[in-house]
Amino acid sequence: MSEYSFKRVNDRIKLNKYMKENIKTYSKLLELEEKAFSEGALDRKTKELMALSISIVTKCEPCIQWHLKKCLELGAEDNEIFETIDISIEMGGGQAGGYARFVVNALLYHRTKKIL
């Protein structure tokens, strides 16, 4: 994990505008994301924790970075992140355990600005 990894989250934000202007389907994807993560029976934090778990199981590092950042912005506590990882490992087995290390390291970075 490097500073570059966390820079990619910010790159995603910057590239959204460019992609919306040039890729026909991208705006629709962002609309879907907005609807899926809007308040409803589940609050946004719960939905982001679910997305983090799915990101771990599907082994998508950019998704892990994005959804962890969103979880923390929405006030997720470390114990909520750890329980999310528990569910991911139960559903995804050993591979999810490997990607869980990435989440823990990213969490430590966000909390302390240090990387193990």
PDB file of N, CA and C in Angstrom:
ATOM      1  N   MET A   1       0.843  -1.163   0.000  1.00  0.00           N
ATOM      2  CA  MET A   1       0.000   0.000   0.000  1.00  0.00           C
ATOM      3  C   MET A   1       0.894   1.232   0.000  1.00  0.00           C
ATOM      4  N   SER A   2       0.534   2.204  -0.770  1.00  0.00           N
ATOM      5  CA  SER A   2       1.352   3.401  -0.860  1.00  0.00           C
ATOM      6  C   SER A   2       0.451   4.629  -0.879  1.00  0.00           C
ATOM      7  N   GLU A   3       1.086   5.784  -0.791  1.00  0.00           N
ATOM      8  CA  GLU A   3       0.341   7.033  -0.922  1.00  0.00           C
ATOM      9  C   GLU A   3      -0.373   7.053  -2.268  1.00  0.00           C
ATOM     10  N   TYR A   4       0.256   6.448  -3.286  1.00  0.00           N
ATOM     11  CA  TYR A   4      -0.347   6.402  -4.608  1.00  0.00           C
ATOM     12  C   TYR A   4      -1.700   5.712  -4.574  1.00  0.00           C
ATOM     13  N   SER A   5      -1.818   4.643  -3.804  1.00  0.00           N
ATOM     14  CA  SER A   5      -3.087   3.920  -3.710  1.00  0.00           C
ATOM     15  C   SER A   5      -4.207   4.836  -3.243  1.00  0.00           C
ATOM     16  N   PHE A   6      -3.924   5.693  -2.277  1.00  0.00           N
ATOM     17  CA  PHE A   6      -4.949   6.587  -1.769  1.00  0.00           C
ATOM     18  C   PHE A   6      -5.183   7.754  -2.718  1.00  0.00           C
ATOM     19  N   LYS A   7      -4.167   8.093  -3.496  1.00  0.00           N
ATOM     20  CA  LYS A   7      -4.327   9.133  -4.504  1.00  0.00           C
ATOM     21  C   LYS A   7      -5.341   8.703  -5.555  1.00  0.00           C
ATOM     22  N   ARG A   8      -5.426   7.402  -5.811  1.00  0.00           N
ATOM     23  CA  ARG A   8      -6.347   6.907  -6.825  1.00  0.00           C
ATOM     24  C   ARG A   8      -7.796   7.203  -6.467  1.00  0.00           C
ATOM     25  N   VAL A   9      -8.138   7.257  -5.195  1.00  0.00           N
ATOM     26  CA  VAL A   9      -9.499   7.614  -4.803  1.00  0.00           C
ATOM     27  C   VAL A   9      -9.793   9.030  -5.275  1.00  0.00           C
ATOM     28  N   ASN A  10      -8.862   9.942  -5.058  1.00  0.00           N
ATOM     29  CA  ASN A  10      -9.052  11.320  -5.510  1.00  0.00           C
ATOM     30  C   ASN A  10      -9.057  11.405  -7.031  1.00  0.00           C
ATOM     31  N   ASP A  11      -8.255  10.580  -7.700  1.00  0.00           N
ATOM     32  CA  ASP A  11      -8.256  10.556  -9.156  1.00  0.00           C
ATOM     33  C   ASP A  11      -9.631  10.160  -9.673  1.00  0.00           C
ATOM     34  N   ARG A  12     -10.281   9.220  -8.990  1.00  0.00           N
ATOM     35  CA  ARG A  12     -11.621   8.784  -9.405  1.00  0.00           C
ATOM     36  C   ARG A  12     -12.568   9.962  -9.410  1.00  0.00           C
ATOM     37  N   ILE A  13     -12.515  10.774  -8.388  1.00  0.00           N
ATOM     38  CA  ILE A  13     -13.398  11.930  -8.287  1.00  0.00           C
ATOM     39  C   ILE A  13     -13.138  12.885  -9.455  1.00  0.00           C
ATOM     40  N   LYS A  14     -11.877  13.151  -9.741  1.00  0.00           N
ATOM     41  CA  LYS A  14     -11.521  14.066 -10.832  1.00  0.00           C
ATOM     42  C   LYS A  14     -11.927  13.511 -12.194  1.00  0.00           C
ATOM     43  N   LEU A  15     -11.774  12.206 -12.369  1.00  0.00           N
ATOM     44  CA  LEU A  15     -12.075  11.599 -13.666  1.00  0.00           C
ATOM     45  C   LEU A  15     -13.568  11.453 -13.924  1.00  0.00           C
ATOM     46  N   ASN A  16     -14.395  11.486 -12.887  1.00  0.00           N
ATOM     47  CA  ASN A  16     -15.834  11.335 -13.082  1.00  0.00           C
ATOM     48  C   ASN A  16     -16.383  12.329 -14.093  1.00  0.00           C
ATOM     49  N   LYS A  17     -16.007  13.585 -13.966  1.00  0.00           N
ATOM     50  CA  LYS A  17     -16.522  14.618 -14.866  1.00  0.00           C
ATOM     51  C   LYS A  17     -16.103  14.323 -16.307  1.00  0.00           C
ATOM     52  N   TYR A  18     -14.852  14.018 -16.505  1.00  0.00           N
ATOM     53  CA  TYR A  18     -14.349  13.721 -17.848  1.00  0.00           C
ATOM     54  C   TYR A  18     -15.073  12.507 -18.438  1.00  0.00           C
ATOM     55  N   MET A  19     -15.244  11.492 -17.633  1.00  0.00           N
ATOM     56  CA  MET A  19     -15.904  10.283 -18.114  1.00  0.00           C
ATOM     57  C   MET A  19     -17.383  10.542 -18.418  1.00  0.00           C
ATOM     58  N   LYS A  20     -18.057  11.347 -17.575  1.00  0.00           N
ATOM     59  CA  LYS A  20     -19.466  11.663 -17.838  1.00  0.00           C
ATOM     60  C   LYS A  20     -19.623  12.388 -19.164  1.00  0.00           C
ATOM     61  N   GLU A  21     -18.642  13.222 -19.508  1.00  0.00           N
ATOM     62  CA  GLU A  21     -18.708  13.987 -20.755  1.00  0.00           C
ATOM     63  C   GLU A  21     -18.399  13.144 -21.988  1.00  0.00           C
ATOM     64  N   ASN A  22     -17.679  12.041 -21.814  1.00  0.00           N
ATOM     65  CA  ASN A  22     -17.186  11.308 -22.973  1.00  0.00           C
ATOM     66  C   ASN A  22     -17.654   9.856 -23.088  1.00  0.00           C
ATOM     67  N   ILE A  23     -18.163   9.280 -22.042  1.00  0.00           N
ATOM     68  CA  ILE A  23     -18.577   7.882 -22.074  1.00  0.00           C
ATOM     69  C   ILE A  23     -20.081   7.839 -21.813  1.00  0.00           C
ATOM     70  N   LYS A  24     -20.825   7.403 -22.795  1.00  0.00           N
ATOM     71  CA  LYS A  24     -22.288   7.490 -22.775  1.00  0.00           C
ATOM     72  C   LYS A  24     -22.933   6.771 -21.599  1.00  0.00           C
ATOM     73  N   THR A  25     -22.428   5.637 -21.230  1.00  0.00           N
ATOM     74  CA  THR A  25     -23.072   4.840 -20.183  1.00  0.00           C
ATOM     75  C   THR A  25     -22.671   5.256 -18.773  1.00  0.00           C
ATOM     76  N   TYR A  26     -21.617   6.056 -18.633  1.00  0.00           N
ATOM     77  CA  TYR A  26     -21.089   6.353 -17.306  1.00  0.00           C
ATOM     78  C   TYR A  26     -22.059   7.174 -16.458  1.00  0.00           C
ATOM     79  N   SER A  27     -22.737   8.141 -17.054  1.00  0.00           N
ATOM     80  CA  SER A  27     -23.708   8.947 -16.301  1.00  0.00           C
ATOM     81  C   SER A  27     -24.815   8.077 -15.734  1.00  0.00           C
ATOM     82  N   LYS A  28     -25.255   7.093 -16.516  1.00  0.00           N
ATOM     83  CA  LYS A  28     -26.306   6.186 -16.048  1.00  0.00           C
ATOM     84  C   LYS A  28     -25.810   5.349 -14.868  1.00  0.00           C
ATOM     85  N   LEU A  29     -24.551   4.933 -14.919  1.00  0.00           N
ATOM     86  CA  LEU A  29     -23.979   4.186 -13.808  1.00  0.00           C
ATOM     87  C   LEU A  29     -23.954   5.040 -12.544  1.00  0.00           C
ATOM     88  N   LEU A  30     -23.566   6.310 -12.673  1.00  0.00           N
ATOM     89  CA  LEU A  30     -23.543   7.199 -11.513  1.00  0.00           C
ATOM     90  C   LEU A  30     -24.952   7.452 -10.971  1.00  0.00           C
ATOM     91  N   GLU A  31     -25.948   7.524 -11.855  1.00  0.00           N
ATOM     92  CA  GLU A  31     -27.333   7.678 -11.413  1.00  0.00           C
ATOM     93  C   GLU A  31     -27.774   6.441 -10.628  1.00  0.00           C
ATOM     94  N   LEU A  32     -27.406   5.271 -11.124  1.00  0.00           N
ATOM     95  CA  LEU A  32     -27.723   4.025 -10.432  1.00  0.00           C
ATOM     96  C   LEU A  32     -27.068   4.008  -9.055  1.00  0.00           C
ATOM     97  N   GLU A  33     -25.804   4.407  -9.003  1.00  0.00           N
ATOM     98  CA  GLU A  33     -25.082   4.455  -7.723  1.00  0.00           C
ATOM     99  C   GLU A  33     -25.782   5.408  -6.747  1.00  0.00           C
ATOM    100  N   GLU A  34     -26.176   6.564  -7.242  1.00  0.00           N
ATOM    101  CA  GLU A  34     -26.845   7.549  -6.382  1.00  0.00           C
ATOM    102  C   GLU A  34     -28.148   6.990  -5.826  1.00  0.00           C
ATOM    103  N   LYS A  35     -28.916   6.322  -6.656  1.00  0.00           N
ATOM    104  CA  LYS A  35     -30.178   5.741  -6.201  1.00  0.00           C
ATOM    105  C   LYS A  35     -29.935   4.597  -5.221  1.00  0.00           C
ATOM    106  N   ALA A  36     -28.977   3.755  -5.521  1.00  0.00           N
ATOM    107  CA  ALA A  36     -28.701   2.597  -4.658  1.00  0.00           C
ATOM    108  C   ALA A  36     -28.238   3.015  -3.272  1.00  0.00           C
ATOM    109  N   PHE A  37     -27.469   4.094  -3.185  1.00  0.00           N
ATOM    110  CA  PHE A  37     -26.906   4.517  -1.901  1.00  0.00           C
ATOM    111  C   PHE A  37     -27.724   5.600  -1.205  1.00  0.00           C
ATOM    112  N   SER A  38     -28.886   5.951  -1.749  1.00  0.00           N
ATOM    113  CA  SER A  38     -29.714   6.966  -1.095  1.00  0.00           C
ATOM    114  C   SER A  38     -30.377   6.369   0.148  1.00  0.00           C
ATOM    115  N   GLU A  39     -30.776   7.243   1.059  1.00  0.00           N
ATOM    116  CA  GLU A  39     -31.437   6.805   2.285  1.00  0.00           C
ATOM    117  C   GLU A  39     -32.706   6.051   1.938  1.00  0.00           C
ATOM    118  N   GLY A  40     -32.968   5.026   2.671  1.00  0.00           N
ATOM    119  CA  GLY A  40     -34.182   4.235   2.496  1.00  0.00           C
ATOM    120  C   GLY A  40     -34.399   3.429   3.756  1.00  0.00           C
ATOM    121  N   ALA A  41     -34.813   2.182   3.609  1.00  0.00           N
ATOM    122  CA  ALA A  41     -34.966   1.313   4.776  1.00  0.00           C
ATOM    123  C   ALA A  41     -33.618   1.130   5.470  1.00  0.00           C
ATOM    124  N   LEU A  42     -32.548   1.144   4.677  1.00  0.00           N
ATOM    125  CA  LEU A  42     -31.179   1.095   5.216  1.00  0.00           C
ATOM    126  C   LEU A  42     -30.556   2.469   5.093  1.00  0.00           C
ATOM    127  N   ASP A  43     -29.787   2.855   6.109  1.00  0.00           N
ATOM    128  CA  ASP A  43     -29.105   4.137   6.016  1.00  0.00           C
ATOM    129  C   ASP A  43     -27.862   4.013   5.127  1.00  0.00           C
ATOM    130  N   ARG A  44     -27.314   5.148   4.740  1.00  0.00           N
ATOM    131  CA  ARG A  44     -26.170   5.167   3.810  1.00  0.00           C
ATOM    132  C   ARG A  44     -24.955   4.452   4.380  1.00  0.00           C
ATOM    133  N   LYS A  45     -24.701   4.603   5.673  1.00  0.00           N
ATOM    134  CA  LYS A  45     -23.533   3.937   6.258  1.00  0.00           C
ATOM    135  C   LYS A  45     -23.661   2.428   6.135  1.00  0.00           C
ATOM    136  N   THR A  46     -24.829   1.900   6.427  1.00  0.00           N
ATOM    137  CA  THR A  46     -25.037   0.457   6.307  1.00  0.00           C
ATOM    138  C   THR A  46     -24.820   0.003   4.868  1.00  0.00           C
ATOM    139  N   LYS A  47     -25.321   0.773   3.933  1.00  0.00           N
ATOM    140  CA  LYS A  47     -25.144   0.427   2.519  1.00  0.00           C
ATOM    141  C   LYS A  47     -23.670   0.461   2.123  1.00  0.00           C
ATOM    142  N   GLU A  48     -22.927   1.426   2.632  1.00  0.00           N
ATOM    143  CA  GLU A  48     -21.496   1.501   2.321  1.00  0.00           C
ATOM    144  C   GLU A  48     -20.738   0.334   2.955  1.00  0.00           C
ATOM    145  N   LEU A  49     -21.123  -0.060   4.166  1.00  0.00           N
ATOM    146  CA  LEU A  49     -20.498  -1.226   4.784  1.00  0.00           C
ATOM    147  C   LEU A  49     -20.784  -2.477   3.952  1.00  0.00           C
ATOM    148  N   MET A  50     -22.008  -2.595   3.434  1.00  0.00           N
ATOM    149  CA  MET A  50     -22.338  -3.718   2.561  1.00  0.00           C
ATOM    150  C   MET A  50     -21.473  -3.684   1.303  1.00  0.00           C
ATOM    151  N   ALA A  51     -21.324  -2.499   0.723  1.00  0.00           N
ATOM    152  CA  ALA A  51     -20.514  -2.362  -0.487  1.00  0.00           C
ATOM    153  C   ALA A  51     -19.049  -2.691  -0.202  1.00  0.00           C
ATOM    154  N   LEU A  52     -18.571  -2.322   0.974  1.00  0.00           N
ATOM    155  CA  LEU A  52     -17.197  -2.662   1.351  1.00  0.00           C
ATOM    156  C   LEU A  52     -17.041  -4.174   1.421  1.00  0.00           C
ATOM    157  N   SER A  53     -17.998  -4.842   2.017  1.00  0.00           N
ATOM    158  CA  SER A  53     -17.942  -6.294   2.112  1.00  0.00           C
ATOM    159  C   SER A  53     -17.937  -6.933   0.723  1.00  0.00           C
ATOM    160  N   ILE A  54     -18.798  -6.467  -0.142  1.00  0.00           N
ATOM    161  CA  ILE A  54     -18.849  -6.994  -1.508  1.00  0.00           C
ATOM    162  C   ILE A  54     -17.538  -6.716  -2.239  1.00  0.00           C
ATOM    163  N   SER A  55     -16.973  -5.556  -2.016  1.00  0.00           N
ATOM    164  CA  SER A  55     -15.692  -5.198  -2.650  1.00  0.00           C
ATOM    165  C   SER A  55     -14.582  -6.141  -2.220  1.00  0.00           C
ATOM    166  N   ILE A  56     -14.589  -6.530  -0.954  1.00  0.00           N
ATOM    167  CA  ILE A  56     -13.585  -7.469  -0.449  1.00  0.00           C
ATOM    168  C   ILE A  56     -13.768  -8.826  -1.122  1.00  0.00           C
ATOM    169  N   VAL A  57     -15.000  -9.311  -1.156  1.00  0.00           N
ATOM    170  CA  VAL A  57     -15.273 -10.632  -1.718  1.00  0.00           C
ATOM    171  C   VAL A  57     -14.981 -10.665  -3.218  1.00  0.00           C
ATOM    172  N   THR A  58     -15.249  -9.568  -3.924  1.00  0.00           N
ATOM    173  CA  THR A  58     -15.000  -9.536  -5.369  1.00  0.00           C
ATOM    174  C   THR A  58     -13.569  -9.119  -5.708  1.00  0.00           C
ATOM    175  N   LYS A  59     -12.777  -8.822  -4.685  1.00  0.00           N
ATOM    176  CA  LYS A  59     -11.353  -8.509  -4.845  1.00  0.00           C
ATOM    177  C   LYS A  59     -11.119  -7.271  -5.717  1.00  0.00           C
ATOM    178  N   CYS A  60     -11.879  -6.230  -5.449  1.00  0.00           N
ATOM    179  CA  CYS A  60     -11.771  -4.985  -6.226  1.00  0.00           C
ATOM    180  C   CYS A  60     -11.113  -3.908  -5.353  1.00  0.00           C
ATOM    181  N   GLU A  61      -9.795  -3.740  -5.516  1.00  0.00           N
ATOM    182  CA  GLU A  61      -9.081  -2.771  -4.674  1.00  0.00           C
ATOM    183  C   GLU A  61      -9.588  -1.340  -4.839  1.00  0.00           C
ATOM    184  N   PRO A  62      -9.851  -0.851  -6.072  1.00  0.00           N
ATOM    185  CA  PRO A  62     -10.388   0.512  -6.161  1.00  0.00           C
ATOM    186  C   PRO A  62     -11.722   0.655  -5.429  1.00  0.00           C
ATOM    187  N   CYS A  63     -12.555  -0.387  -5.493  1.00  0.00           N
ATOM    188  CA  CYS A  63     -13.837  -0.359  -4.782  1.00  0.00           C
ATOM    189  C   CYS A  63     -13.614  -0.363  -3.276  1.00  0.00           C
ATOM    190  N   ILE A  64     -12.655  -1.173  -2.813  1.00  0.00           N
ATOM    191  CA  ILE A  64     -12.326  -1.213  -1.386  1.00  0.00           C
ATOM    192  C   ILE A  64     -11.917   0.177  -0.919  1.00  0.00           C
ATOM    193  N   GLN A  65     -11.034   0.815  -1.663  1.00  0.00           N
ATOM    194  CA  GLN A  65     -10.561   2.145  -1.288  1.00  0.00           C
ATOM    195  C   GLN A  65     -11.719   3.131  -1.212  1.00  0.00           C
ATOM    196  N   TRP A  66     -12.557   3.122  -2.232  1.00  0.00           N
ATOM    197  CA  TRP A  66     -13.669   4.071  -2.314  1.00  0.00           C
ATOM    198  C   TRP A  66     -14.671   3.842  -1.185  1.00  0.00           C
ATOM    199  N   HIS A  67     -15.096   2.601  -1.007  1.00  0.00           N
ATOM    200  CA  HIS A  67     -16.143   2.335  -0.022  1.00  0.00           C
ATOM    201  C   HIS A  67     -15.635   2.451   1.414  1.00  0.00           C
ATOM    202  N   LEU A  68     -14.379   2.136   1.658  1.00  0.00           N
ATOM    203  CA  LEU A  68     -13.827   2.379   2.992  1.00  0.00           C
ATOM    204  C   LEU A  68     -13.834   3.872   3.288  1.00  0.00           C
ATOM    205  N   LYS A  69     -13.404   4.665   2.336  1.00  0.00           N
ATOM    206  CA  LYS A  69     -13.404   6.120   2.510  1.00  0.00           C
ATOM    207  C   LYS A  69     -14.817   6.621   2.808  1.00  0.00           C
ATOM    208  N   LYS A  70     -15.793   6.135   2.055  1.00  0.00           N
ATOM    209  CA  LYS A  70     -17.183   6.543   2.281  1.00  0.00           C
ATOM    210  C   LYS A  70     -17.680   6.086   3.659  1.00  0.00           C
ATOM    211  N   CYS A  71     -17.345   4.859   4.054  1.00  0.00           N
ATOM    212  CA  CYS A  71     -17.733   4.364   5.377  1.00  0.00           C
ATOM    213  C   CYS A  71     -17.211   5.291   6.467  1.00  0.00           C
ATOM    214  N   LEU A  72     -15.950   5.672   6.350  1.00  0.00           N
ATOM    215  CA  LEU A  72     -15.346   6.523   7.372  1.00  0.00           C
ATOM    216  C   LEU A  72     -15.965   7.915   7.361  1.00  0.00           C
ATOM    217  N   GLU A  73     -16.242   8.444   6.170  1.00  0.00           N
ATOM    218  CA  GLU A  73     -16.898   9.755   6.080  1.00  0.00           C
ATOM    219  C   GLU A  73     -18.276   9.740   6.736  1.00  0.00           C
ATOM    220  N   LEU A  74     -18.933   8.592   6.682  1.00  0.00           N
ATOM    221  CA  LEU A  74     -20.269   8.463   7.269  1.00  0.00           C
ATOM    222  C   LEU A  74     -20.226   8.052   8.740  1.00  0.00           C
ATOM    223  N   GLY A  75     -19.028   8.024   9.316  1.00  0.00           N
ATOM    224  CA  GLY A  75     -18.885   7.798  10.747  1.00  0.00           C
ATOM    225  C   GLY A  75     -18.737   6.353  11.178  1.00  0.00           C
ATOM    226  N   ALA A  76     -18.408   5.455  10.266  1.00  0.00           N
ATOM    227  CA  ALA A  76     -18.224   4.057  10.652  1.00  0.00           C
ATOM    228  C   ALA A  76     -17.081   3.940  11.654  1.00  0.00           C
ATOM    229  N   GLU A  77     -17.333   3.183  12.696  1.00  0.00           N
ATOM    230  CA  GLU A  77     -16.326   2.926  13.722  1.00  0.00           C
ATOM    231  C   GLU A  77     -15.484   1.725  13.299  1.00  0.00           C
ATOM    232  N   ASP A  78     -14.304   1.608  13.896  1.00  0.00           N
ATOM    233  CA  ASP A  78     -13.418   0.493  13.561  1.00  0.00           C
ATOM    234  C   ASP A  78     -14.105  -0.854  13.776  1.00  0.00           C
ATOM    235  N   ASN A  79     -14.859  -0.999  14.872  1.00  0.00           N
ATOM    236  CA  ASN A  79     -15.511  -2.287  15.131  1.00  0.00           C
ATOM    237  C   ASN A  79     -16.545  -2.623  14.050  1.00  0.00           C
ATOM    238  N   GLU A  80     -17.164  -1.614  13.445  1.00  0.00           N
ATOM    239  CA  GLU A  80     -18.098  -1.865  12.338  1.00  0.00           C
ATOM    240  C   GLU A  80     -17.345  -2.346  11.093  1.00  0.00           C
ATOM    241  N   ILE A  81     -16.182  -1.761  10.856  1.00  0.00           N
ATOM    242  CA  ILE A  81     -15.344  -2.194   9.733  1.00  0.00           C
ATOM    243  C   ILE A  81     -14.887  -3.635   9.971  1.00  0.00           C
ATOM    244  N   PHE A  82     -14.462  -3.934  11.195  1.00  0.00           N
ATOM    245  CA  PHE A  82     -13.994  -5.291  11.505  1.00  0.00           C
ATOM    246  C   PHE A  82     -15.112  -6.323  11.352  1.00  0.00           C
ATOM    247  N   GLU A  83     -16.328  -5.988  11.770  1.00  0.00           N
ATOM    248  CA  GLU A  83     -17.445  -6.919  11.587  1.00  0.00           C
ATOM    249  C   GLU A  83     -17.786  -7.086  10.108  1.00  0.00           C
ATOM    250  N   THR A  84     -17.636  -6.024   9.351  1.00  0.00           N
ATOM    251  CA  THR A  84     -17.832  -6.108   7.902  1.00  0.00           C
ATOM    252  C   THR A  84     -16.810  -7.069   7.298  1.00  0.00           C
ATOM    253  N   ILE A  85     -15.578  -6.981   7.766  1.00  0.00           N
ATOM    254  CA  ILE A  85     -14.534  -7.900   7.308  1.00  0.00           C
ATOM    255  C   ILE A  85     -14.882  -9.337   7.711  1.00  0.00           C
ATOM    256  N   ASP A  86     -15.405  -9.526   8.918  1.00  0.00           N
ATOM    257  CA  ASP A  86     -15.825 -10.867   9.356  1.00  0.00           C
ATOM    258  C   ASP A  86     -16.819 -11.479   8.357  1.00  0.00           C
ATOM    259  N   ILE A  87     -17.813 -10.701   7.976  1.00  0.00           N
ATOM    260  CA  ILE A  87     -18.821 -11.200   7.026  1.00  0.00           C
ATOM    261  C   ILE A  87     -18.166 -11.500   5.684  1.00  0.00           C
ATOM    262  N   SER A  88     -17.264 -10.642   5.256  1.00  0.00           N
ATOM    263  CA  SER A  88     -16.574 -10.843   3.977  1.00  0.00           C
ATOM    264  C   SER A  88     -15.785 -12.144   3.977  1.00  0.00           C
ATOM    265  N   ILE A  89     -15.080 -12.400   5.061  1.00  0.00           N
ATOM    266  CA  ILE A  89     -14.286 -13.630   5.151  1.00  0.00           C
ATOM    267  C   ILE A  89     -15.206 -14.846   5.192  1.00  0.00           C
ATOM    268  N   GLU A  90     -16.310 -14.750   5.922  1.00  0.00           N
ATOM    269  CA  GLU A  90     -17.252 -15.880   5.959  1.00  0.00           C
ATOM    270  C   GLU A  90     -17.791 -16.165   4.560  1.00  0.00           C
ATOM    271  N   MET A  91     -18.082 -15.132   3.806  1.00  0.00           N
ATOM    272  CA  MET A  91     -18.663 -15.314   2.474  1.00  0.00           C
ATOM    273  C   MET A  91     -17.617 -15.612   1.408  1.00  0.00           C
ATOM    274  N   GLY A  92     -16.402 -15.080   1.583  1.00  0.00           N
ATOM    275  CA  GLY A  92     -15.392 -15.184   0.532  1.00  0.00           C
ATOM    276  C   GLY A  92     -14.203 -16.071   0.850  1.00  0.00           C
ATOM    277  N   GLY A  93     -14.133 -16.598   2.067  1.00  0.00           N
ATOM    278  CA  GLY A  93     -13.062 -17.514   2.427  1.00  0.00           C
ATOM    279  C   GLY A  93     -11.680 -16.868   2.466  1.00  0.00           C
ATOM    280  N   GLY A  94     -10.689 -17.706   2.183  1.00  0.00           N
ATOM    281  CA  GLY A  94      -9.296 -17.286   2.301  1.00  0.00           C
ATOM    282  C   GLY A  94      -8.924 -16.103   1.432  1.00  0.00           C
ATOM    283  N   GLN A  95      -9.466 -16.050   0.208  1.00  0.00           N
ATOM    284  CA  GLN A  95      -9.136 -14.912  -0.653  1.00  0.00           C
ATOM    285  C   GLN A  95      -9.635 -13.601  -0.061  1.00  0.00           C
ATOM    286  N   ALA A  96     -10.818 -13.641   0.513  1.00  0.00           N
ATOM    287  CA  ALA A  96     -11.339 -12.438   1.171  1.00  0.00           C
ATOM    288  C   ALA A  96     -10.455 -12.057   2.353  1.00  0.00           C
ATOM    289  N   GLY A  97      -9.904 -13.069   3.042  1.00  0.00           N
ATOM    290  CA  GLY A  97      -8.973 -12.782   4.135  1.00  0.00           C
ATOM    291  C   GLY A  97      -7.756 -12.029   3.650  1.00  0.00           C
ATOM    292  N   GLY A  98      -7.275 -12.395   2.473  1.00  0.00           N
ATOM    293  CA  GLY A  98      -6.138 -11.679   1.892  1.00  0.00           C
ATOM    294  C   GLY A  98      -6.470 -10.226   1.589  1.00  0.00           C
ATOM    295  N   TYR A  99      -7.634  -9.980   1.031  1.00  0.00           N
ATOM    296  CA  TYR A  99      -8.028  -8.605   0.723  1.00  0.00           C
ATOM    297  C   TYR A  99      -8.413  -7.841   1.982  1.00  0.00           C
ATOM    298  N   ALA A 100      -8.795  -8.563   3.035  1.00  0.00           N
ATOM    299  CA  ALA A 100      -9.082  -7.909   4.310  1.00  0.00           C
ATOM    300  C   ALA A 100      -7.833  -7.223   4.852  1.00  0.00           C
ATOM    301  N   ARG A 101      -6.664  -7.812   4.596  1.00  0.00           N
ATOM    302  CA  ARG A 101      -5.410  -7.170   5.032  1.00  0.00           C
ATOM    303  C   ARG A 101      -5.269  -5.789   4.393  1.00  0.00           C
ATOM    304  N   PHE A 102      -5.674  -5.684   3.142  1.00  0.00           N
ATOM    305  CA  PHE A 102      -5.631  -4.405   2.435  1.00  0.00           C
ATOM    306  C   PHE A 102      -6.546  -3.387   3.132  1.00  0.00           C
ATOM    307  N   VAL A 103      -7.734  -3.835   3.519  1.00  0.00           N
ATOM    308  CA  VAL A 103      -8.682  -2.953   4.207  1.00  0.00           C
ATOM    309  C   VAL A 103      -8.122  -2.495   5.545  1.00  0.00           C
ATOM    310  N   VAL A 104      -7.568  -3.432   6.315  1.00  0.00           N
ATOM    311  CA  VAL A 104      -7.018  -3.087   7.629  1.00  0.00           C
ATOM    312  C   VAL A 104      -5.879  -2.092   7.477  1.00  0.00           C
ATOM    313  N   ASN A 105      -5.013  -2.299   6.506  1.00  0.00           N
ATOM    314  CA  ASN A 105      -3.909  -1.372   6.291  1.00  0.00           C
ATOM    315  C   ASN A 105      -4.430   0.004   5.874  1.00  0.00           C
ATOM    316  N   ALA A 106      -5.440   0.019   5.015  1.00  0.00           N
ATOM    317  CA  ALA A 106      -6.035   1.295   4.604  1.00  0.00           C
ATOM    318  C   ALA A 106      -6.701   1.985   5.791  1.00  0.00           C
ATOM    319  N   LEU A 107      -7.383   1.210   6.634  1.00  0.00           N
ATOM    320  CA  LEU A 107      -8.017   1.777   7.827  1.00  0.00           C
ATOM    321  C   LEU A 107      -6.960   2.386   8.743  1.00  0.00           C
ATOM    322  N   LEU A 108      -5.874   1.657   8.960  1.00  0.00           N
ATOM    323  CA  LEU A 108      -4.788   2.198   9.789  1.00  0.00           C
ATOM    324  C   LEU A 108      -4.225   3.473   9.194  1.00  0.00           C
ATOM    325  N   TYR A 109      -4.109   3.496   7.882  1.00  0.00           N
ATOM    326  CA  TYR A 109      -3.610   4.712   7.232  1.00  0.00           C
ATOM    327  C   TYR A 109      -4.565   5.880   7.486  1.00  0.00           C
ATOM    328  N   HIS A 110      -5.859   5.651   7.287  1.00  0.00           N
ATOM    329  CA  HIS A 110      -6.828   6.738   7.483  1.00  0.00           C
ATOM    330  C   HIS A 110      -6.827   7.216   8.928  1.00  0.00           C
ATOM    331  N   ARG A 111      -6.628   6.320   9.860  1.00  0.00           N
ATOM    332  CA  ARG A 111      -6.684   6.691  11.278  1.00  0.00           C
ATOM    333  C   ARG A 111      -5.369   7.310  11.772  1.00  0.00           C
ATOM    334  N   THR A 112      -4.234   6.865  11.242  1.00  0.00           N
ATOM    335  CA  THR A 112      -2.936   7.308  11.774  1.00  0.00           C
ATOM    336  C   THR A 112      -2.017   7.965  10.753  1.00  0.00           C
ATOM    337  N   LYS A 113      -2.378   7.881   9.473  1.00  0.00           N
ATOM    338  CA  LYS A 113      -1.539   8.346   8.351  1.00  0.00           C
ATOM    339  C   LYS A 113      -0.226   7.583   8.273  1.00  0.00           C
ATOM    340  N   LYS A 114      -0.229   6.351   8.815  1.00  0.00           N
ATOM    341  CA  LYS A 114       0.934   5.475   8.747  1.00  0.00           C
ATOM    342  C   LYS A 114       0.517   4.177   8.069  1.00  0.00           C
ATOM    343  N   ILE A 115       1.435   3.598   7.363  1.00  0.00           N
ATOM    344  CA  ILE A 115       1.202   2.336   6.676  1.00  0.00           C
ATOM    345  C   ILE A 115       2.079   1.281   7.307  1.00  0.00           C
ATOM    346  N   LEU A 116       1.504   0.095   7.581  1.00  0.00           N
ATOM    347  CA  LEU A 116       2.298  -1.008   8.128  1.00  0.00           C
ATOM    348  C   LEU A 116       3.143  -1.634   7.039  1.00  0.00           C
TER     349      LEU A 116
END
